[in-house]
Protein backbone atom coordinates (compact mmCIF):
# COMPACT_ATOMS: atom_id res chain seq x y z
CA MET A 1 0.00 0.00 0.00
CA ILE A 2 2.61 2.58 1.07
CA ASN A 3 4.91 1.71 -1.83
CA GLY A 4 2.13 2.32 -4.36
CA MET A 5 1.33 5.72 -2.88
CA PHE A 6 4.80 7.15 -3.48
CA PHE A 7 6.49 5.10 -6.21
CA GLY A 8 4.91 6.99 -9.14
CA ASP A 9 5.72 10.44 -7.76
CA ALA A 10 9.28 9.41 -6.96
CA LYS A 11 9.75 7.99 -10.45
CA ALA A 12 8.38 11.21 -11.98
CA LYS A 13 11.01 13.20 -10.01
CA GLY A 14 13.78 10.77 -11.02
CA ILE A 15 14.19 9.59 -7.43
CA GLU A 16 14.64 5.95 -6.49
CA PHE A 17 12.10 4.79 -3.89
CA LEU A 18 12.95 1.70 -1.83
CA ILE A 19 11.32 -0.13 1.05
CA HIS A 20 13.24 -2.87 2.88
CA SER A 21 11.65 -4.96 5.60
CA ASP A 22 13.28 -7.68 7.71
CA ILE A 23 9.92 -8.50 9.27
CA PRO A 24 8.10 -11.51 7.74
CA MET A 25 4.64 -10.65 6.39
CA SER A 26 3.10 -13.22 8.76
CA THR A 27 4.40 -11.35 11.84
CA LEU A 28 1.79 -9.78 14.10
CA ILE A 29 2.53 -6.26 15.25
CA ASN A 30 0.52 -5.08 18.23
CA SER A 31 0.09 -1.37 17.56
CA ASP A 32 -2.33 1.27 16.34
CA LYS A 33 -2.43 0.55 12.60
CA ILE A 34 -3.91 3.93 11.66
CA ARG A 35 -1.32 5.86 13.69
CA ILE A 36 1.59 3.86 12.20
CA GLU A 37 0.24 4.42 8.67
CA ARG A 38 -0.14 8.17 9.28
CA ILE A 39 3.41 8.42 10.64
CA LEU A 40 4.86 6.54 7.66
CA ILE A 41 2.80 8.50 5.14
CA ASN A 42 3.85 11.83 6.67
CA LEU A 43 7.50 10.78 6.88
CA LEU A 44 7.63 9.55 3.28
CA SER A 45 5.60 12.46 1.97
CA ASN A 46 8.08 14.91 3.48
CA ALA A 47 11.02 12.87 2.19
CA LEU A 48 9.57 13.00 -1.32
CA LYS A 49 8.73 16.69 -1.02
CA TYR A 50 12.25 17.73 0.06
CA THR A 51 14.37 15.24 -1.90
CA THR A 52 15.52 16.62 -5.23
CA LYS A 53 17.95 13.89 -6.30
CA GLY A 54 19.15 10.49 -5.18
CA SER A 55 16.85 8.09 -3.37
CA ILE A 56 14.42 7.63 -0.52
CA GLU A 57 14.75 4.43 1.47
CA LEU A 58 12.61 3.09 4.30
CA SER A 59 14.12 0.20 6.27
CA ILE A 60 12.05 -1.72 8.81
CA THR A 61 13.80 -4.04 11.26
CA PRO A 62 12.44 -5.83 14.32
CA GLN A 63 13.61 -5.09 17.85
CA GLU A 64 13.45 -7.30 20.89
CA SER A 65 10.47 -6.75 23.16
CA ARG A 66 11.10 -4.43 26.12
CA ASP A 67 8.93 -6.47 28.52
């Protein structure tokens, strides 16, 4: 979903857009989905807005639980 939102605009600006995730798709993440999506959309939107050349890369890696 996120990739599709920004890939076309990045391509139009000549900017490479990459998303890397080390989290398997079957992994459950206990969080507020809407809040996470808004944060990522705002972050990537600003990156696209202020990047004039090069690339934008989002890397997602798991961390150990802090329990």
